[in-house]
Amino acid sequence: MTLEEARELLGLGLEATRKEVRAAYRRAARRWHPDRAPKGAEAEYRSRMQQINAAYQKIVKFIEDYQYHLAEAEAPDDYEKWWQQRFGVGVWGPPKKESTDSTD
C-alpha cells in the first residue's frame, strides 16, 4: 500500500496533524469494524478493517520517521540580502544587464 492509497482510504488530504490522522482512523474503524457488520457481510468488513489498520500504520510510520529541523532560525539582519541569496538567482534573478560597449 502506498502512502497515497493510505491517505485516500482514511479520507485525509495532503496535510494532516497527528490528531487528524487518529480521528480519521477512529471514524473509519467505527464505520467498518467487523462487530458492526450486517449479517453476511462480516468477511467484507473484516477485510476493510485490515486495510484501514494497514493504512493507519503506514501513515504513522511515515510521521514517526520524518525528521524535523530542531534549530530555531534567527531573523536575518538584512532581508533584501537574504532574499537575494535564496531567490535572486536563476529564473527569479534580475534581468541580465546589456553590455554598455558602444563601438560605433
N, C-alpha and C. Protein backbone atom coordinates (compact mmCIF):
# COMPACT_ATOMS: atom_id res chain seq x y z
N MET A 1 0.85 -1.18 0.00
CA MET A 1 0.00 0.00 0.00
C MET A 1 0.89 1.23 0.00
N THR A 2 0.57 2.15 -0.89
CA THR A 2 1.32 3.40 -0.95
C THR A 2 0.77 4.39 0.06
N LEU A 3 1.53 5.43 0.30
CA LEU A 3 1.09 6.48 1.21
C LEU A 3 -0.16 7.17 0.67
N GLU A 4 -0.22 7.36 -0.63
CA GLU A 4 -1.39 7.99 -1.25
C GLU A 4 -2.64 7.13 -1.06
N GLU A 5 -2.51 5.82 -1.25
CA GLU A 5 -3.65 4.92 -1.04
C GLU A 5 -4.09 4.94 0.42
N ALA A 6 -3.13 5.00 1.33
CA ALA A 6 -3.45 5.06 2.76
C ALA A 6 -4.23 6.33 3.09
N ARG A 7 -3.78 7.46 2.52
CA ARG A 7 -4.48 8.73 2.76
C ARG A 7 -5.91 8.66 2.24
N GLU A 8 -6.07 8.13 1.03
CA GLU A 8 -7.40 8.04 0.43
C GLU A 8 -8.31 7.13 1.23
N LEU A 9 -7.78 6.03 1.71
CA LEU A 9 -8.57 5.08 2.48
C LEU A 9 -9.08 5.71 3.78
N LEU A 10 -8.25 6.54 4.39
CA LEU A 10 -8.66 7.20 5.63
C LEU A 10 -9.34 8.55 5.39
N GLY A 11 -9.39 8.97 4.14
CA GLY A 11 -10.06 10.23 3.82
C GLY A 11 -9.28 11.45 4.26
N LEU A 12 -7.95 11.40 4.14
CA LEU A 12 -7.10 12.52 4.55
C LEU A 12 -6.61 13.29 3.34
N GLY A 13 -6.35 14.57 3.53
CA GLY A 13 -5.78 15.39 2.47
C GLY A 13 -4.27 15.25 2.45
N LEU A 14 -3.61 16.15 1.73
CA LEU A 14 -2.15 16.11 1.65
C LEU A 14 -1.47 16.51 2.94
N GLU A 15 -2.15 17.26 3.77
CA GLU A 15 -1.59 17.68 5.05
C GLU A 15 -2.55 17.29 6.16
N ALA A 16 -1.97 16.74 7.23
CA ALA A 16 -2.80 16.36 8.38
C ALA A 16 -1.93 16.32 9.63
N THR A 17 -2.52 16.68 10.74
CA THR A 17 -1.82 16.57 12.02
C THR A 17 -1.99 15.15 12.55
N ARG A 18 -1.22 14.82 13.58
CA ARG A 18 -1.38 13.50 14.20
C ARG A 18 -2.80 13.32 14.72
N LYS A 19 -3.35 14.38 15.28
CA LYS A 19 -4.70 14.33 15.82
C LYS A 19 -5.72 14.04 14.71
N GLU A 20 -5.54 14.66 13.55
CA GLU A 20 -6.44 14.43 12.42
C GLU A 20 -6.31 13.01 11.88
N VAL A 21 -5.09 12.49 11.86
CA VAL A 21 -4.87 11.11 11.40
C VAL A 21 -5.56 10.14 12.34
N ARG A 22 -5.39 10.35 13.63
CA ARG A 22 -6.03 9.48 14.63
C ARG A 22 -7.55 9.56 14.54
N ALA A 23 -8.07 10.76 14.35
CA ALA A 23 -9.53 10.93 14.24
C ALA A 23 -10.06 10.24 12.99
N ALA A 24 -9.34 10.35 11.87
CA ALA A 24 -9.76 9.68 10.63
C ALA A 24 -9.74 8.17 10.80
N TYR A 25 -8.73 7.66 11.49
CA TYR A 25 -8.66 6.22 11.74
C TYR A 25 -9.85 5.77 12.59
N ARG A 26 -10.14 6.51 13.63
CA ARG A 26 -11.25 6.13 14.52
C ARG A 26 -12.60 6.19 13.80
N ARG A 27 -12.78 7.18 12.94
CA ARG A 27 -14.02 7.25 12.16
C ARG A 27 -14.17 6.03 11.26
N ALA A 28 -13.08 5.69 10.57
CA ALA A 28 -13.10 4.54 9.67
C ALA A 28 -13.30 3.24 10.45
N ALA A 29 -12.66 3.15 11.61
CA ALA A 29 -12.79 1.93 12.43
C ALA A 29 -14.22 1.78 12.95
N ARG A 30 -14.84 2.88 13.35
CA ARG A 30 -16.24 2.80 13.80
C ARG A 30 -17.14 2.35 12.67
N ARG A 31 -16.87 2.85 11.49
CA ARG A 31 -17.72 2.51 10.33
C ARG A 31 -17.54 1.07 9.88
N TRP A 32 -16.30 0.56 9.87
CA TRP A 32 -16.00 -0.73 9.26
C TRP A 32 -15.63 -1.84 10.25
N HIS A 33 -15.79 -1.62 11.53
CA HIS A 33 -15.42 -2.67 12.50
C HIS A 33 -16.29 -3.91 12.27
N PRO A 34 -15.68 -5.10 12.26
CA PRO A 34 -16.43 -6.34 12.00
C PRO A 34 -17.59 -6.59 12.97
N ASP A 35 -17.50 -6.07 14.19
CA ASP A 35 -18.59 -6.25 15.14
C ASP A 35 -19.85 -5.49 14.72
N ARG A 36 -19.71 -4.51 13.85
CA ARG A 36 -20.86 -3.73 13.39
C ARG A 36 -21.37 -4.19 12.03
N ALA A 37 -20.80 -5.26 11.51
CA ALA A 37 -21.17 -5.74 10.18
C ALA A 37 -22.57 -6.33 10.17
N PRO A 38 -23.33 -6.05 9.12
CA PRO A 38 -24.63 -6.70 8.99
C PRO A 38 -24.44 -8.19 8.71
N LYS A 39 -25.46 -8.94 8.96
CA LYS A 39 -25.38 -10.39 8.77
C LYS A 39 -24.98 -10.71 7.33
N GLY A 40 -23.95 -11.53 7.18
CA GLY A 40 -23.48 -11.95 5.88
C GLY A 40 -22.36 -11.08 5.31
N ALA A 41 -22.06 -9.95 5.92
CA ALA A 41 -21.02 -9.05 5.40
C ALA A 41 -19.80 -9.01 6.30
N GLU A 42 -19.69 -9.98 7.20
CA GLU A 42 -18.58 -9.98 8.16
C GLU A 42 -17.23 -10.04 7.46
N ALA A 43 -17.10 -10.86 6.42
CA ALA A 43 -15.82 -11.02 5.72
C ALA A 43 -15.41 -9.71 5.05
N GLU A 44 -16.37 -9.02 4.44
CA GLU A 44 -16.08 -7.74 3.79
C GLU A 44 -15.61 -6.71 4.83
N TYR A 45 -16.28 -6.65 5.95
CA TYR A 45 -15.91 -5.70 7.00
C TYR A 45 -14.55 -6.05 7.60
N ARG A 46 -14.29 -7.33 7.78
CA ARG A 46 -13.00 -7.75 8.32
C ARG A 46 -11.86 -7.36 7.37
N SER A 47 -12.08 -7.58 6.07
CA SER A 47 -11.08 -7.22 5.07
C SER A 47 -10.85 -5.71 5.05
N ARG A 48 -11.93 -4.95 5.09
CA ARG A 48 -11.83 -3.48 5.08
C ARG A 48 -11.11 -2.99 6.32
N MET A 49 -11.39 -3.60 7.47
CA MET A 49 -10.74 -3.18 8.71
C MET A 49 -9.24 -3.48 8.67
N GLN A 50 -8.85 -4.57 8.04
CA GLN A 50 -7.43 -4.88 7.88
C GLN A 50 -6.76 -3.82 7.01
N GLN A 51 -7.45 -3.38 5.95
CA GLN A 51 -6.91 -2.33 5.10
C GLN A 51 -6.77 -1.02 5.86
N ILE A 52 -7.75 -0.70 6.67
CA ILE A 52 -7.72 0.52 7.47
C ILE A 52 -6.57 0.49 8.46
N ASN A 53 -6.38 -0.65 9.12
CA ASN A 53 -5.26 -0.79 10.06
C ASN A 53 -3.92 -0.63 9.34
N ALA A 54 -3.80 -1.24 8.16
CA ALA A 54 -2.56 -1.13 7.39
C ALA A 54 -2.31 0.32 6.96
N ALA A 55 -3.36 1.01 6.55
CA ALA A 55 -3.23 2.41 6.13
C ALA A 55 -2.79 3.27 7.31
N TYR A 56 -3.40 3.07 8.46
CA TYR A 56 -3.05 3.84 9.64
C TYR A 56 -1.60 3.59 10.04
N GLN A 57 -1.17 2.33 10.03
CA GLN A 57 0.20 2.00 10.38
C GLN A 57 1.19 2.63 9.39
N LYS A 58 0.86 2.65 8.11
CA LYS A 58 1.72 3.25 7.09
C LYS A 58 1.90 4.74 7.35
N ILE A 59 0.81 5.43 7.64
CA ILE A 59 0.89 6.87 7.88
C ILE A 59 1.62 7.17 9.17
N VAL A 60 1.36 6.41 10.22
CA VAL A 60 2.03 6.63 11.50
C VAL A 60 3.53 6.40 11.36
N LYS A 61 3.93 5.37 10.64
CA LYS A 61 5.34 5.10 10.42
C LYS A 61 5.98 6.25 9.66
N PHE A 62 5.29 6.75 8.64
CA PHE A 62 5.81 7.89 7.88
C PHE A 62 6.01 9.10 8.80
N ILE A 63 5.04 9.37 9.64
CA ILE A 63 5.13 10.51 10.55
C ILE A 63 6.28 10.33 11.54
N GLU A 64 6.43 9.12 12.07
CA GLU A 64 7.47 8.87 13.06
C GLU A 64 8.87 8.95 12.44
N ASP A 65 9.00 8.59 11.17
CA ASP A 65 10.31 8.60 10.51
C ASP A 65 10.70 9.97 9.96
N TYR A 66 9.76 10.91 9.94
CA TYR A 66 10.04 12.24 9.41
C TYR A 66 11.00 12.96 10.35
N GLN A 67 12.03 13.57 9.79
CA GLN A 67 12.99 14.29 10.61
C GLN A 67 12.72 15.79 10.55
N TYR A 68 12.67 16.40 11.71
CA TYR A 68 12.39 17.82 11.82
C TYR A 68 13.69 18.58 12.06
N HIS A 69 13.75 19.79 11.56
CA HIS A 69 14.88 20.68 11.82
C HIS A 69 14.60 21.34 13.17
N LEU A 70 15.40 21.04 14.18
CA LEU A 70 15.09 21.45 15.54
C LEU A 70 15.83 22.71 16.01
N ALA A 71 16.44 23.42 15.11
CA ALA A 71 17.11 24.67 15.49
C ALA A 71 16.19 25.83 15.13
N GLU A 72 16.11 26.77 16.05
CA GLU A 72 15.29 27.95 15.78
C GLU A 72 16.05 28.87 14.84
N ALA A 73 15.39 29.33 13.82
CA ALA A 73 16.02 30.22 12.85
C ALA A 73 15.93 31.66 13.37
N GLU A 74 17.06 32.33 13.31
CA GLU A 74 17.07 33.73 13.73
C GLU A 74 16.75 34.60 12.53
N ALA A 75 16.14 35.72 12.80
CA ALA A 75 15.77 36.65 11.73
C ALA A 75 17.05 37.24 11.13
N PRO A 76 17.10 37.33 9.81
CA PRO A 76 18.29 37.90 9.18
C PRO A 76 18.37 39.40 9.44
N ASP A 77 19.59 39.91 9.43
CA ASP A 77 19.80 41.34 9.64
C ASP A 77 19.34 42.15 8.43
N ASP A 78 19.62 41.61 7.25
CA ASP A 78 19.29 42.31 6.02
C ASP A 78 18.37 41.42 5.19
N TYR A 79 17.08 41.70 5.19
CA TYR A 79 16.11 40.87 4.47
C TYR A 79 16.33 40.87 2.97
N GLU A 80 16.74 42.00 2.42
CA GLU A 80 16.96 42.07 0.98
C GLU A 80 18.12 41.17 0.57
N LYS A 81 19.19 41.19 1.34
CA LYS A 81 20.35 40.33 1.06
C LYS A 81 19.95 38.86 1.22
N TRP A 82 19.17 38.55 2.26
CA TRP A 82 18.70 37.18 2.50
C TRP A 82 17.87 36.69 1.31
N TRP A 83 16.96 37.55 0.83
CA TRP A 83 16.12 37.18 -0.30
C TRP A 83 16.95 36.95 -1.55
N GLN A 84 17.91 37.84 -1.81
CA GLN A 84 18.75 37.72 -3.00
C GLN A 84 19.58 36.44 -2.96
N GLN A 85 20.07 36.04 -1.80
CA GLN A 85 20.87 34.82 -1.69
C GLN A 85 20.04 33.58 -1.99
N ARG A 86 18.78 33.59 -1.64
CA ARG A 86 17.94 32.41 -1.83
C ARG A 86 17.18 32.41 -3.15
N PHE A 87 16.67 33.57 -3.53
CA PHE A 87 15.77 33.62 -4.69
C PHE A 87 16.26 34.52 -5.81
N GLY A 88 17.35 35.20 -5.64
CA GLY A 88 17.82 36.15 -6.64
C GLY A 88 18.69 35.52 -7.70
N VAL A 89 18.57 34.23 -7.89
CA VAL A 89 19.36 33.54 -8.90
C VAL A 89 18.44 32.79 -9.85
N GLY A 90 18.97 32.39 -10.97
CA GLY A 90 18.17 31.61 -11.91
C GLY A 90 17.06 32.44 -12.53
N VAL A 91 15.93 31.80 -12.74
CA VAL A 91 14.81 32.50 -13.39
C VAL A 91 14.24 33.61 -12.53
N TRP A 92 14.49 33.58 -11.23
CA TRP A 92 13.95 34.60 -10.34
C TRP A 92 14.89 35.79 -10.19
N GLY A 93 16.08 35.68 -10.73
CA GLY A 93 17.06 36.74 -10.58
C GLY A 93 16.74 37.96 -11.43
N PRO A 94 17.49 39.01 -11.22
CA PRO A 94 17.27 40.22 -12.01
C PRO A 94 17.65 39.96 -13.46
N PRO A 95 17.08 40.72 -14.38
CA PRO A 95 17.41 40.51 -15.79
C PRO A 95 18.88 40.80 -16.04
N LYS A 96 19.44 40.09 -17.01
CA LYS A 96 20.84 40.32 -17.35
C LYS A 96 21.01 41.72 -17.90
N LYS A 97 22.11 42.34 -17.49
CA LYS A 97 22.37 43.70 -17.95
C LYS A 97 22.97 43.64 -19.36
N GLU A 98 22.55 44.56 -20.17
CA GLU A 98 23.08 44.69 -21.52
C GLU A 98 24.48 45.27 -21.42
N SER A 99 25.36 44.83 -22.27
CA SER A 99 26.71 45.39 -22.25
C SER A 99 26.65 46.84 -22.73
N THR A 100 27.45 47.69 -22.14
CA THR A 100 27.43 49.11 -22.47
C THR A 100 28.57 49.49 -23.41
N ASP A 101 29.13 48.48 -24.08
CA ASP A 101 30.19 48.77 -25.05
C ASP A 101 29.56 49.42 -26.27
N SER A 102 29.94 50.62 -26.54
CA SER A 102 29.42 51.29 -27.72
C SER A 102 30.55 51.45 -28.72
N THR A 103 30.58 50.58 -29.66
CA THR A 103 31.62 50.64 -30.68
C THR A 103 31.01 51.10 -31.99
N ASP A 104 30.65 52.36 -32.04
CA ASP A 104 30.02 52.93 -33.24
C ASP A 104 31.03 53.26 -34.27
